[in-house]
Amino acid sequence: MGEHERSASDHVSHIRTRDNLTQEGLARLLGVSFSTVNAWESGRSEPQARHRRRLEQLVAGQDAAESESVTILCVDDSPFDLENLAWFVRDAAEVLGVDVTVVTESDAMRALIALGRVRPKVAFIDVVMPGLDGLELADRWSEMPELAASTLVLVTAQRDEGIDLAARERGLHILDKPLTIGVVGAALRRAGLHTKDDPAA
């Protein structure tokens, strides 16, 4: 039976067993919610085409570094905002003609651990989070030489003069919530993610 004939449930089960991943871990890798992966594995739903392709890549043994996709990290402690951000990134990248792998994390400490592993091309980081906040994460980011070519973008619903000043001091862009696909797409373009024939680049 070919890879395209196998069900998403088979793919998820195979990947999790082979890579010793929980459903939550696979969800973070794919940039979807835990409930989405749970529904795929139980057979209650089937993934969209782009998620199906990513599952097939993982089954074939292609991780984010081996595939041609660009890794984007999204960090937000609000599950709703995190899922929206991930969808905007995927949709904007599709419009720009760029293949991306979106990795999501719900707090800055977990994101800090993920940074060295996934080495994202771009990271969208919520400013206000419990514990380590987005600005502190940005400072840690700047101390990691392997991320020198990466772009960090701050996201906030609580814009004020203090946050503006802190972002300027760090040379960072800030996006205001609620986000739109156009705003996220513009941030991706500024980070150099676009096709060579993109007239807006």
Protein backbone atom coordinates (compact mmCIF):
# COMPACT_ATOMS: atom_id res chain seq x y z
CA MET A 1 0.00 0.00 0.00
CA GLY A 2 1.47 3.38 -1.06
CA GLU A 3 1.89 6.33 1.26
CA HIS A 4 -0.99 8.19 -0.39
CA GLU A 5 -3.29 5.22 0.25
CA ARG A 6 -2.58 5.02 3.96
CA SER A 7 -4.92 6.84 6.31
CA ALA A 8 -3.93 9.84 8.40
CA SER A 9 -4.56 7.66 11.44
CA ASP A 10 -1.91 5.20 10.22
CA HIS A 11 0.54 8.03 9.53
CA VAL A 12 0.07 9.63 12.96
CA SER A 13 0.39 6.31 14.76
CA HIS A 14 3.52 5.40 12.78
CA ILE A 15 5.24 8.76 13.39
CA ARG A 16 4.43 8.80 17.10
CA THR A 17 5.63 5.23 17.64
CA ARG A 18 8.82 5.65 15.61
CA ASP A 19 9.78 9.05 17.07
CA ASN A 20 8.42 8.41 20.58
CA LEU A 21 6.14 11.46 20.35
CA THR A 22 3.00 12.20 22.33
CA GLN A 23 -0.01 13.55 20.45
CA GLU A 24 0.78 16.94 22.02
CA GLY A 25 4.37 16.74 20.81
CA LEU A 26 3.31 15.92 17.26
CA ALA A 27 0.74 18.73 17.39
CA ARG A 28 3.48 21.23 18.29
CA LEU A 29 5.67 19.94 15.47
CA LEU A 30 2.84 20.35 12.95
CA GLY A 31 1.56 23.64 14.40
CA VAL A 32 -1.95 22.32 15.09
CA SER A 33 -3.93 21.71 18.26
CA PHE A 34 -3.77 18.54 20.36
CA SER A 35 -7.45 17.88 19.59
CA THR A 36 -6.71 17.98 15.85
CA VAL A 37 -4.02 15.29 16.09
CA ASN A 38 -6.26 13.26 18.41
CA ALA A 39 -9.08 13.42 15.84
CA TRP A 40 -6.75 12.34 13.03
CA GLU A 41 -5.37 9.38 14.95
CA SER A 42 -8.81 8.23 16.08
CA GLY A 43 -10.14 8.51 12.51
CA ARG A 44 -12.74 11.15 13.40
CA SER A 45 -11.37 13.57 10.82
CA GLU A 46 -8.87 13.79 7.96
CA PRO A 47 -6.18 16.49 7.58
CA GLN A 48 -6.22 19.17 4.92
CA ALA A 49 -3.97 18.62 1.92
CA ARG A 50 -1.00 20.57 3.28
CA HIS A 51 -1.08 18.71 6.60
CA ARG A 52 -1.45 15.43 4.73
CA ARG A 53 1.70 16.25 2.73
CA ARG A 54 3.60 17.10 5.90
CA LEU A 55 2.55 13.83 7.54
CA GLU A 56 3.76 11.95 4.46
CA GLN A 57 7.10 13.80 4.65
CA LEU A 58 7.48 12.80 8.29
CA VAL A 59 6.58 9.18 7.51
CA ALA A 60 9.27 9.23 4.82
CA GLY A 61 11.76 10.39 7.45
CA GLN A 62 12.03 14.02 6.41
CA ASP A 63 12.33 16.36 9.37
CA ALA A 64 12.16 20.15 9.20
CA ALA A 65 15.87 20.42 8.44
CA GLU A 66 15.77 17.86 5.64
CA SER A 67 12.70 19.14 3.82
CA GLU A 68 12.70 22.28 1.69
CA SER A 69 10.26 24.05 3.99
CA VAL A 70 11.17 27.03 6.14
CA THR A 71 10.54 26.69 9.87
CA ILE A 72 8.44 29.38 11.58
CA LEU A 73 8.03 29.44 15.37
CA CYS A 74 4.85 30.87 16.92
CA VAL A 75 4.67 31.50 20.67
CA ASP A 76 1.57 32.65 22.58
CA ASP A 77 0.08 31.61 25.91
CA SER A 78 -3.48 32.03 24.55
CA PRO A 79 -4.52 28.81 22.73
CA PHE A 80 -6.98 30.78 20.58
CA ASP A 81 -4.43 33.43 19.58
CA LEU A 82 -1.74 30.78 19.00
CA GLU A 83 -3.91 28.75 16.64
CA ASN A 84 -4.98 31.91 14.78
CA LEU A 85 -1.37 33.04 14.44
CA ALA A 86 -0.31 29.66 13.08
CA TRP A 87 -3.12 29.72 10.51
CA PHE A 88 -2.25 33.27 9.41
CA VAL A 89 1.40 32.26 8.97
CA ARG A 90 0.48 29.22 6.86
CA ASP A 91 -2.03 31.12 4.74
CA ALA A 92 0.30 34.10 4.22
CA ALA A 93 3.17 31.78 3.28
CA GLU A 94 0.95 29.99 0.79
CA VAL A 95 0.07 33.34 -0.83
CA LEU A 96 3.79 34.18 -0.96
CA GLY A 97 4.58 30.80 -2.52
CA VAL A 98 6.77 29.68 0.38
CA ASP A 99 6.57 26.21 1.93
CA VAL A 100 6.67 26.52 5.72
CA THR A 101 6.66 24.25 8.73
CA VAL A 102 5.00 25.98 11.68
CA VAL A 103 6.09 25.00 15.18
CA THR A 104 3.95 26.28 18.06
CA GLU A 105 4.73 26.71 21.75
CA SER A 106 2.44 28.00 24.50
CA ASP A 107 5.08 29.57 26.75
CA ALA A 108 8.44 31.27 26.37
CA MET A 109 10.48 28.73 28.36
CA ARG A 110 9.39 25.89 26.08
CA ALA A 111 10.04 28.14 23.09
CA LEU A 112 13.55 28.84 24.38
CA ILE A 113 14.24 25.12 24.50
CA ALA A 114 12.78 24.69 21.00
CA LEU A 115 14.90 27.45 19.47
CA GLY A 116 18.13 25.49 19.39
CA ARG A 117 16.34 22.44 18.01
CA VAL A 118 14.26 23.98 15.22
CA ARG A 119 16.32 27.11 14.46
CA PRO A 120 13.39 28.99 12.91
CA LYS A 121 13.81 31.44 10.05
CA VAL A 122 11.17 33.64 11.70
CA ALA A 123 9.60 33.62 15.17
CA PHE A 124 6.40 35.42 16.16
CA ILE A 125 6.51 35.95 19.94
CA ASP A 126 3.71 37.27 22.15
CA VAL A 127 5.03 40.03 24.43
CA VAL A 128 2.87 39.52 27.52
CA MET A 129 3.17 35.99 28.88
CA PRO A 130 3.45 34.60 32.42
CA GLY A 131 6.94 33.79 33.64
CA LEU A 132 9.45 34.55 30.90
CA ASP A 133 7.85 37.18 28.64
CA GLY A 134 8.44 37.96 24.99
CA LEU A 135 11.00 40.70 25.64
CA GLU A 136 13.05 38.47 27.93
CA LEU A 137 12.88 35.72 25.32
CA ALA A 138 14.13 38.23 22.74
CA ASP A 139 17.13 38.99 24.97
CA ARG A 140 17.93 35.27 25.31
CA TRP A 141 17.50 34.91 21.53
CA SER A 142 20.12 37.63 20.90
CA GLU A 143 22.65 35.62 22.94
CA MET A 144 22.37 32.60 20.60
CA PRO A 145 24.81 33.04 17.67
CA GLU A 146 23.20 30.19 15.72
CA LEU A 147 20.07 32.37 15.39
CA ALA A 148 21.88 35.42 14.03
CA ALA A 149 20.24 35.02 10.61
CA SER A 150 16.76 34.54 12.08
CA THR A 151 14.09 37.22 12.47
CA LEU A 152 12.06 37.77 15.64
CA VAL A 153 8.73 39.60 15.48
CA LEU A 154 6.84 40.69 18.61
CA VAL A 155 3.06 40.38 18.83
CA THR A 156 0.87 42.12 21.41
CA ALA A 157 -2.64 43.18 22.31
CA GLN A 158 -1.33 45.56 24.99
CA ARG A 159 0.69 48.11 23.02
CA ASP A 160 2.03 51.00 25.10
CA GLU A 161 5.00 53.39 25.16
CA GLY A 162 7.04 51.02 27.34
CA ILE A 163 6.66 48.14 24.91
CA ASP A 164 7.34 50.41 21.93
CA LEU A 165 10.55 51.69 23.54
CA ALA A 166 11.70 48.17 24.50
CA ALA A 167 11.09 46.94 20.94
CA ARG A 168 12.95 49.89 19.39
CA GLU A 169 15.93 49.33 21.70
CA ARG A 170 16.09 45.74 20.46
CA GLY A 171 15.48 46.63 16.81
CA LEU A 172 12.29 44.57 16.66
CA HIS A 173 9.01 45.02 14.82
CA ILE A 174 5.72 44.79 16.74
CA LEU A 175 2.44 43.49 15.30
CA ASP A 176 -0.80 44.49 16.99
CA LYS A 177 -3.54 41.98 17.75
CA PRO A 178 -5.93 41.17 16.27
CA LEU A 179 -3.68 40.07 13.42
CA THR A 180 -4.58 39.82 9.74
CA ILE A 181 -3.11 37.71 6.96
CA GLY A 182 -1.86 40.90 5.28
CA VAL A 183 0.07 42.06 8.36
CA VAL A 184 1.60 38.62 8.90
CA GLY A 185 2.44 38.36 5.19
CA ALA A 186 4.21 41.73 5.30
CA ALA A 187 6.28 40.52 8.26
CA LEU A 188 7.26 37.38 6.35
CA ARG A 189 8.28 39.50 3.34
CA ARG A 190 10.44 41.74 5.57
CA ALA A 191 12.15 38.57 6.78
CA GLY A 192 12.94 37.64 3.18
CA LEU A 193 10.29 34.96 2.71
CA HIS A 194 8.87 35.31 -0.77
CA THR A 195 9.29 33.85 -4.23
CA LYS A 196 11.94 35.37 -6.48
CA ASP A 197 9.30 36.74 -8.82
CA ASP A 198 7.19 38.36 -6.06
CA PRO A 199 6.64 41.95 -7.34
CA ALA A 200 5.99 43.24 -3.81
CA ALA A 201 9.31 41.97 -2.44
